[in-house]
Amino acid sequence: MKRLLLPTIVVLVLAAGAFGLKTYWSKAPAGSAANGQTLAQGAAPDGVIRLSGSVEAIRSRTVIVPRLAGQATPTIVITRLVPAGSHVKEGDIIVEFDRQEQMRIARDRRAELVDLDGQIEKMKASQAIARAADQTALTEAERNVGRAELDVKTNDLVSQVAAEKNTLMLDQARARFNQLKTTYDLKRRAAEADLKILEIRRARAELALGYAEKNSERMAVQAPFSGLVVLKQVWKGETQAMVAEGEEVRPGLPILDIVDSSAMQVRARVNQADIGLITPGRRARVRLDAYPQLLFEGKVELVAPLGVGSEMTNKVRTFTAIVSITGSDPLLMPDLTASVELAPEANGTTASIAPKRPGGGN
């Protein structure tokens, strides 16, 4: 009788444990809020995998100090900065830099462009006058050639001295015409080259003006989407602190993040011994270390296929798992540390990967 009673007691205990695990993950505790759930602190049941990590936004954008084309000064002054923790809408100005230098450069480039336009018009007019004068001289030389040819035709009717004089005048007229024609062709090419140089200078000035105007527009940074402003820590001498209005910053320096607080996730660290037990789609619960009374539902979205070595030894590898968080709460902020509890599998056990035997069998 005792032999039959002992197995029955063991089966009842196992059934009660499985029922307790199922009830823990299926029922929400009393006093839950709309987004985050308020729970009393307590240990998770056995069989639940526990991870730790930090909260981050699924969608975020880092704002850096703009790198300006042709910038002369090594730093830029912040003239306007949205306070940390502010909620902004898409298109709102979140940071603005001093644009006086860029506006001055734009005015100089615009004045240079106007001056070059005047020089080009003046050169075109001068070349048109010179072309008309050259054409008049060339036409006169061509007429002289024609008159000299007529005089040569009368050589049979005049003396030998007059005939030789007519022939010499014709040679001189033709030489003069050919010389003027060659000279004027060279002058036309030189004038075209001079005009081309001015046009190239104008194109460069116009390009520089476009750069200056774009640089001036980049002095005001707008929010790419609605979200939360998170100021970054930057080095100020030997200490780190957040940037402030009136400070000089160098181009390319990250100064703040815009995060979409409506969709958050946890980047958790996974020990190599547990990596085979975690699969995408597995249900999870997330607790914030700073606010342990809050509990969020979630699930595993991604498990990194490659791990990184430990600081102590390269033989111990740590993997990364991305756990999405369902719902939101004003206290749910980026960079908060969090603990993740992964629910047991449907059959009440954790998933495992059985090693393959040689030859492809299990």
Protein backbone atom coordinates (compact mmCIF):
# COMPACT_ATOMS: atom_id res chain seq x y z
CA MET A 1 0.00 0.00 0.00
CA LYS A 2 2.81 2.38 0.87
CA ARG A 3 4.48 1.62 -2.48
CA LEU A 4 1.38 2.79 -4.36
CA LEU A 5 0.85 5.86 -2.17
CA LEU A 6 4.35 7.36 -2.68
CA PRO A 7 4.18 7.65 -6.56
CA THR A 8 0.69 9.14 -6.25
CA ILE A 9 1.97 11.88 -3.92
CA VAL A 10 4.87 12.70 -6.30
CA VAL A 11 2.53 13.04 -9.29
CA LEU A 12 0.20 15.35 -7.32
CA VAL A 13 3.12 17.58 -6.27
CA LEU A 14 4.40 17.88 -9.86
CA ALA A 15 0.90 18.69 -11.14
CA ALA A 16 0.46 21.37 -8.50
CA GLY A 17 3.83 22.95 -9.44
CA ALA A 18 2.95 23.03 -13.15
CA PHE A 19 -0.42 24.57 -12.37
CA GLY A 20 1.25 27.24 -10.25
CA LEU A 21 3.68 28.21 -13.07
CA LYS A 22 0.84 28.42 -15.56
CA THR A 23 -1.21 30.59 -13.21
CA TYR A 24 1.76 32.95 -12.59
CA TRP A 25 2.21 33.74 -16.30
CA SER A 26 -1.44 33.72 -17.39
CA LYS A 27 -3.06 35.82 -14.67
CA ALA A 28 -2.32 39.54 -14.22
CA PRO A 29 -1.97 40.59 -10.58
CA ALA A 30 -4.52 42.78 -8.90
CA GLY A 31 -4.08 46.56 -9.01
CA SER A 32 -2.56 46.61 -12.53
CA ALA A 33 -2.40 49.92 -14.42
CA ALA A 34 -3.28 50.48 -18.09
CA ASN A 35 0.30 50.15 -19.32
CA GLY A 36 2.74 49.11 -16.60
CA GLN A 37 1.54 46.73 -13.90
CA THR A 38 2.09 47.45 -10.21
CA LEU A 39 3.31 44.36 -8.37
CA ALA A 40 4.60 43.47 -4.99
CA GLN A 41 8.25 42.42 -5.03
CA GLY A 42 8.90 38.72 -4.88
CA ALA A 43 11.00 35.99 -6.31
CA ALA A 44 10.09 34.46 -9.66
CA PRO A 45 9.15 30.78 -9.66
CA ASP A 46 11.69 28.08 -10.41
CA GLY A 47 12.24 27.22 -14.06
CA VAL A 48 12.11 30.86 -15.19
CA ILE A 49 15.21 32.21 -16.91
CA ARG A 50 16.34 35.55 -15.51
CA LEU A 51 18.31 38.09 -17.55
CA SER A 52 19.54 41.62 -16.94
CA GLY A 53 20.04 44.50 -19.33
CA SER A 54 19.16 48.10 -20.08
CA VAL A 55 16.13 49.80 -21.60
CA GLU A 56 16.49 51.48 -24.98
CA ALA A 57 14.17 52.98 -27.57
CA ILE A 58 13.36 50.98 -30.67
CA ARG A 59 13.49 54.18 -32.72
CA SER A 60 15.95 56.91 -31.86
CA ARG A 61 18.03 59.55 -33.63
CA THR A 62 21.28 61.12 -32.48
CA VAL A 63 21.73 64.84 -33.18
CA ILE A 64 25.30 65.96 -33.78
CA VAL A 65 26.84 69.37 -34.26
CA PRO A 66 26.70 69.99 -38.03
CA ARG A 67 29.84 69.70 -40.12
CA LEU A 68 29.86 72.76 -42.35
CA ALA A 69 31.41 73.01 -45.80
CA GLY A 70 34.28 75.50 -45.82
CA GLN A 71 33.98 76.22 -42.11
CA ALA A 72 36.65 78.63 -40.87
CA THR A 73 36.01 78.56 -37.10
CA PRO A 74 36.73 75.30 -35.17
CA THR A 75 33.69 75.62 -32.85
CA ILE A 76 30.03 76.66 -32.97
CA VAL A 77 28.03 78.38 -30.22
CA ILE A 78 24.70 76.90 -29.07
CA THR A 79 22.10 79.70 -28.94
CA ARG A 80 19.01 77.60 -28.21
CA LEU A 81 18.59 74.15 -26.65
CA VAL A 82 15.48 72.25 -25.63
CA PRO A 83 15.67 71.14 -21.97
CA ALA A 84 16.38 67.49 -21.22
CA GLY A 85 13.27 65.36 -20.82
CA SER A 86 11.12 67.60 -23.01
CA HIS A 87 8.56 66.01 -25.31
CA VAL A 88 8.77 67.48 -28.81
CA LYS A 89 6.72 67.04 -31.95
CA GLU A 90 7.96 66.34 -35.45
CA GLY A 91 9.34 69.54 -37.00
CA ASP A 92 9.96 71.36 -33.71
CA ILE A 93 13.35 73.11 -33.39
CA ILE A 94 15.31 71.23 -30.72
CA VAL A 95 18.69 72.96 -31.00
CA GLU A 96 19.91 76.09 -32.78
CA PHE A 97 23.46 77.31 -33.32
CA ASP A 98 24.86 80.78 -33.90
CA ARG A 99 24.44 81.50 -37.61
CA GLN A 100 25.97 85.00 -37.76
CA GLU A 101 29.20 83.74 -39.30
CA GLN A 102 27.31 81.73 -41.92
CA MET A 103 25.05 84.68 -42.74
CA ARG A 104 28.11 86.94 -43.15
CA ILE A 105 29.73 84.42 -45.47
CA ALA A 106 26.49 84.15 -47.46
CA ARG A 107 26.32 87.94 -47.86
CA ASP A 108 29.95 88.07 -49.02
CA ARG A 109 29.36 85.28 -51.54
CA ARG A 110 26.21 86.99 -52.81
CA ALA A 111 28.08 90.31 -53.25
CA GLU A 112 30.88 88.48 -55.05
CA LEU A 113 28.33 86.82 -57.34
CA VAL A 114 26.72 90.17 -58.19
CA ASP A 115 30.15 91.69 -58.90
CA LEU A 116 31.08 88.82 -61.21
CA ASP A 117 27.79 89.18 -63.06
CA GLY A 118 28.66 92.85 -63.67
CA GLN A 119 32.15 91.95 -64.87
CA ILE A 120 30.77 89.38 -67.27
CA GLU A 121 28.27 91.83 -68.76
CA LYS A 122 30.96 94.50 -69.05
CA MET A 123 33.34 92.10 -70.78
CA LYS A 124 30.65 90.96 -73.19
CA ALA A 125 29.94 94.59 -74.15
CA SER A 126 33.66 95.38 -74.59
CA GLN A 127 34.14 92.30 -76.71
CA ALA A 128 31.15 93.20 -78.85
CA ILE A 129 32.63 96.68 -79.50
CA ALA A 130 36.05 95.22 -80.27
CA ARG A 131 34.49 92.62 -82.57
CA ALA A 132 32.63 95.33 -84.52
CA ALA A 133 35.82 97.42 -84.88
CA ASP A 134 37.82 94.39 -86.01
CA GLN A 135 35.16 93.44 -88.49
CA THR A 136 35.22 96.98 -89.93
CA ALA A 137 39.01 96.87 -90.33
CA LEU A 138 38.83 93.40 -91.90
CA THR A 139 36.19 94.56 -94.36
CA GLU A 140 38.31 97.59 -95.31
CA ALA A 141 41.35 95.33 -95.88
CA GLU A 142 39.24 93.04 -98.06
CA ARG A 143 38.14 96.04 -100.15
CA ASN A 144 41.77 97.15 -100.55
CA VAL A 145 42.56 93.70 -101.93
CA GLY A 146 39.73 94.07 -104.42
CA ARG A 147 40.95 97.51 -105.59
CA ALA A 148 44.52 96.24 -105.91
CA GLU A 149 43.32 93.35 -108.07
CA LEU A 150 41.54 95.80 -110.38
CA ASP A 151 44.71 97.89 -110.67
CA VAL A 152 46.74 94.80 -111.61
CA LYS A 153 44.36 94.08 -114.46
CA THR A 154 45.46 97.40 -116.06
CA ASN A 155 49.18 96.46 -116.08
CA ASP A 156 49.09 95.87 -119.86
CA LEU A 157 47.97 99.43 -120.36
CA VAL A 158 50.47 101.18 -118.11
CA SER A 159 54.21 101.46 -117.93
CA GLN A 160 56.38 98.72 -116.50
CA VAL A 161 57.10 100.75 -113.36
CA ALA A 162 53.39 101.33 -112.75
CA ALA A 163 52.66 97.64 -113.38
CA GLU A 164 55.27 96.55 -110.83
CA LYS A 165 53.85 99.07 -108.37
CA ASN A 166 50.32 97.65 -108.85
CA THR A 167 51.58 94.10 -108.28
CA LEU A 168 53.42 95.16 -105.12
CA MET A 169 50.32 96.91 -103.77
CA LEU A 170 48.25 93.76 -104.37
CA ASP A 171 50.73 91.62 -102.43
CA GLN A 172 50.73 94.09 -99.58
CA ALA A 173 46.90 94.24 -99.49
CA ARG A 174 46.59 90.46 -99.42
CA ALA A 175 49.24 90.16 -96.68
CA ARG A 176 47.48 92.81 -94.65
CA PHE A 177 44.11 91.03 -95.02
CA ASN A 178 45.53 87.65 -94.03
CA GLN A 179 47.35 89.18 -91.06
CA LEU A 180 44.22 90.90 -89.80
CA LYS A 181 42.16 87.75 -90.24
CA THR A 182 44.67 85.65 -88.26
CA THR A 183 45.07 88.30 -85.58
CA TYR A 184 41.33 88.72 -85.14
CA ASP A 185 40.81 84.96 -84.85
CA LEU A 186 43.40 84.87 -82.04
CA LYS A 187 41.77 87.85 -80.36
CA ARG A 188 38.38 86.11 -80.51
CA ARG A 189 39.84 83.00 -78.83
CA ALA A 190 41.52 85.08 -76.15
CA ALA A 191 38.29 86.98 -75.50
CA GLU A 192 36.34 83.71 -75.23
CA ALA A 193 38.95 82.40 -72.76
CA ASP A 194 38.72 85.55 -70.64
CA LEU A 195 34.93 85.28 -70.59
CA LYS A 196 35.13 81.58 -69.71
CA ILE A 197 37.38 82.38 -66.73
CA LEU A 198 34.87 84.86 -65.40
CA GLU A 199 32.04 82.37 -65.91
CA ILE A 200 34.01 79.71 -63.98
CA ARG A 201 34.61 82.17 -61.16
CA ARG A 202 30.91 82.98 -61.15
CA ALA A 203 29.98 79.28 -61.00
CA ARG A 204 32.32 78.81 -58.04
CA ALA A 205 30.88 81.87 -56.31
CA GLU A 206 27.35 80.58 -56.91
CA LEU A 207 28.33 77.18 -55.48
CA ALA A 208 29.92 78.85 -52.45
CA LEU A 209 26.75 80.90 -51.97
CA GLY A 210 24.67 77.72 -52.02
CA TYR A 211 26.97 76.13 -49.42
CA ALA A 212 26.75 79.21 -47.21
CA GLU A 213 22.96 79.32 -47.42
CA LYS A 214 22.70 75.59 -46.65
CA ASN A 215 25.11 76.02 -43.74
CA SER A 216 22.90 78.78 -42.39
CA GLU A 217 19.82 76.54 -42.68
CA ARG A 218 21.64 73.70 -40.89
CA MET A 219 22.14 75.93 -37.85
CA ALA A 220 18.56 75.06 -36.79
CA VAL A 221 17.94 71.34 -36.18
CA GLN A 222 14.35 70.07 -36.25
CA ALA A 223 12.99 66.95 -34.60
CA PRO A 224 12.74 64.13 -37.18
CA PHE A 225 9.80 62.60 -35.29
CA SER A 226 7.83 63.10 -32.08
CA GLY A 227 9.66 61.89 -29.02
CA LEU A 228 11.65 62.59 -25.89
CA VAL A 229 14.81 64.74 -25.72
CA VAL A 230 17.75 63.06 -23.98
CA LEU A 231 20.87 65.22 -23.59
CA LYS A 232 24.21 63.44 -23.87
CA GLN A 233 27.17 63.72 -21.53
CA VAL A 234 30.21 65.43 -23.10
CA TRP A 235 33.69 66.08 -21.77
CA LYS A 236 34.21 69.51 -20.26
CA GLY A 237 37.80 69.60 -19.18
CA GLU A 238 38.28 66.62 -16.89
CA THR A 239 34.59 66.05 -16.10
CA GLN A 240 31.52 64.99 -18.04
CA ALA A 241 28.36 67.08 -18.14
CA MET A 242 25.44 67.89 -20.42
CA VAL A 243 25.79 70.70 -22.95
CA ALA A 244 24.05 74.00 -22.28
CA GLU A 245 23.07 77.14 -24.17
CA GLY A 246 25.94 79.53 -24.82
CA GLU A 247 28.61 76.83 -24.92
CA GLU A 248 31.00 76.29 -27.81
CA VAL A 249 30.95 72.81 -29.35
CA ARG A 250 33.01 71.29 -32.09
CA PRO A 251 31.51 69.93 -35.34
CA GLY A 252 30.59 66.25 -35.29
CA LEU A 253 30.00 66.11 -31.51
CA PRO A 254 26.85 64.15 -30.46
CA ILE A 255 24.88 66.37 -28.09
CA LEU A 256 21.44 64.79 -27.72
CA ASP A 257 19.13 61.92 -28.71
CA ILE A 258 15.52 62.00 -29.83
CA VAL A 259 13.84 58.78 -28.68
CA ASP A 260 10.39 57.47 -29.43
CA SER A 261 9.18 56.63 -25.91
CA SER A 262 6.07 54.86 -27.21
CA ALA A 263 8.07 51.78 -28.26
CA MET A 264 10.82 50.50 -25.94
CA GLN A 265 12.90 47.34 -25.67
CA VAL A 266 15.47 45.75 -23.40
CA ARG A 267 18.93 44.77 -24.59
CA ALA A 268 19.70 41.89 -22.24
CA ARG A 269 22.88 39.89 -21.67
CA VAL A 270 22.67 36.11 -22.00
CA ASN A 271 25.21 33.68 -20.60
CA GLN A 272 26.47 31.10 -23.05
CA ALA A 273 25.03 28.34 -20.86
CA ASP A 274 21.49 29.69 -21.41
CA ILE A 275 21.70 30.64 -25.08
CA GLY A 276 20.19 27.33 -26.21
CA LEU A 277 17.16 27.87 -24.00
CA ILE A 278 16.11 31.22 -25.46
CA THR A 279 14.19 31.42 -28.72
CA PRO A 280 12.48 34.36 -30.48
CA GLY A 281 8.80 34.69 -29.63
CA ARG A 282 9.14 33.49 -26.05
CA ARG A 283 7.02 35.47 -23.58
CA ALA A 284 8.79 37.58 -20.99
CA ARG A 285 8.17 39.95 -18.12
CA VAL A 286 10.27 43.07 -17.59
CA ARG A 287 10.90 44.84 -14.29
CA LEU A 288 12.71 48.14 -13.91
CA ASP A 289 15.36 48.12 -11.21
CA ALA A 290 14.61 51.77 -10.39
CA TYR A 291 10.83 51.12 -10.16
CA PRO A 292 10.40 47.49 -9.05
CA GLN A 293 6.67 47.99 -8.55
CA LEU A 294 6.19 48.20 -12.34
CA LEU A 295 5.90 45.08 -14.48
CA PHE A 296 5.65 44.99 -18.28
CA GLU A 297 4.79 42.14 -20.59
CA GLY A 298 7.02 41.46 -23.57
CA LYS A 299 8.58 38.83 -25.76
CA VAL A 300 11.95 37.88 -27.18
CA GLU A 301 12.39 39.47 -30.60
CA LEU A 302 15.99 38.58 -31.46
CA VAL A 303 18.86 36.49 -30.14
CA ALA A 304 22.31 37.46 -31.43
CA PRO A 305 24.04 34.58 -33.25
CA LEU A 306 27.51 35.74 -32.17
CA GLY A 307 28.79 36.35 -28.66
CA VAL A 308 31.51 38.53 -27.21
CA GLY A 309 34.31 37.50 -24.90
CA SER A 310 34.44 38.20 -21.20
CA GLU A 311 36.86 40.71 -19.69
CA MET A 312 38.37 37.95 -17.58
CA THR A 313 38.68 35.21 -20.20
CA ASN A 314 37.79 34.83 -23.85
CA LYS A 315 36.44 31.34 -23.27
CA VAL A 316 33.32 32.67 -21.57
CA ARG A 317 31.00 34.21 -24.15
CA THR A 318 28.06 36.55 -23.59
CA PHE A 319 25.24 36.90 -26.11
CA THR A 320 22.66 39.66 -26.61
CA ALA A 321 18.89 39.20 -26.63
CA ILE A 322 16.40 41.89 -27.63
CA VAL A 323 13.15 41.80 -25.63
CA SER A 324 10.31 44.06 -26.75
CA ILE A 325 8.13 45.78 -24.13
CA THR A 326 4.36 45.92 -24.50
CA GLY A 327 2.76 49.18 -23.37
CA SER A 328 4.35 52.33 -22.01
CA ASP A 329 4.63 54.36 -18.83
CA PRO A 330 6.00 57.84 -18.00
CA LEU A 331 8.61 56.14 -15.80
CA LEU A 332 9.79 53.91 -18.65
CA MET A 333 12.89 55.77 -19.81
CA PRO A 334 15.96 54.84 -21.87
CA ASP A 335 19.17 53.70 -20.12
CA LEU A 336 17.33 52.34 -17.08
CA THR A 337 18.54 48.93 -15.96
CA ALA A 338 15.97 46.16 -16.08
CA SER A 339 15.55 42.51 -15.19
CA VAL A 340 13.85 40.10 -17.57
CA GLU A 341 12.08 36.89 -16.63
CA LEU A 342 11.40 34.49 -19.48
CA ALA A 343 8.26 32.40 -19.19
CA PRO A 344 8.49 28.59 -19.21
CA GLU A 345 7.55 26.78 -22.37
CA ALA A 346 3.96 25.65 -22.91
CA ASN A 347 4.65 22.20 -21.49
CA GLY A 348 6.02 23.70 -18.28
CA THR A 349 9.70 23.10 -19.13
CA THR A 350 12.37 25.23 -20.69
CA ALA A 351 13.39 24.64 -24.26
CA SER A 352 16.62 22.81 -24.85
CA ILE A 353 18.73 21.80 -27.82
CA ALA A 354 19.68 18.14 -27.89
CA PRO A 355 23.18 17.46 -29.20
CA LYS A 356 23.34 15.56 -32.46
CA ARG A 357 25.03 12.22 -32.56
CA PRO A 358 27.65 11.40 -35.18
CA GLY A 359 26.05 10.32 -38.40
CA GLY A 360 23.05 12.69 -38.19
CA GLY A 361 21.03 10.76 -35.59
CA ASN A 362 19.75 12.11 -32.25
